């Protein structure tokens, strides 16, 4: 289908270029510089348009949906073209209990499912998916079971998820990264702050706890 579309575009462009050239050749000698220049520019224009159209046609359309239910997150992924790899970074407010992956290896291969964070009922965690060799026009699904944090809190940077995907065009790998709202599924701007592994408390910390966490932070910075 893509090959035929490119062929039609090329034929249409050739007609568009040949028409004024034919009219000019009737008025001027075909060997005149103006006719030669117009033909050369026409050929260059055709190549540029065909290359641009080919790249647009070869660019995959990727759909990632995250449906939030009571204690579940349902993730769906579909692509119109083959993808070399797709990574998904999804924030979860609460303890992640399990991740169900019932997808066939003939459709895609999930090489990594990683939980970033302390994974407690009062923590903000991230699930990082790394999926390879995604076949076109197939739907990949994951079910995430989790225990939400006790209070209904909004934390900046945790209301959207990041999707990055790569494919090959002209022997080169092309990668695109986008951010989407968990609530609406619409594309949004990259957040200014991204929270990973945050811990929430519903009580005031004692002076001893504050001192302990301060010292732990100093040790972590020294290690880094």
Foldseek 3Di string as FASTA:
>chain_A
DLVVVLVVLLVVLVVVLVVVLVVVVVVDPCVDPVSVVSVVVSVVVSVVVSVVSSVVVQDKDKAWAWDDDDFKTKIKIAIQAKFFKKKKKAKAAAAWDDKDWPDDVVQKDWPDWDKFAPRHRQKIIITMTMIGGGHHPDMGMMMIGGRHRPDDDDDFQNQKMKMKTWDDDPNDIDIDMWIAGNVPRDTDDRGPDHDHHGGDDPDDDDPVVVVVVVVVVVVVVVVD
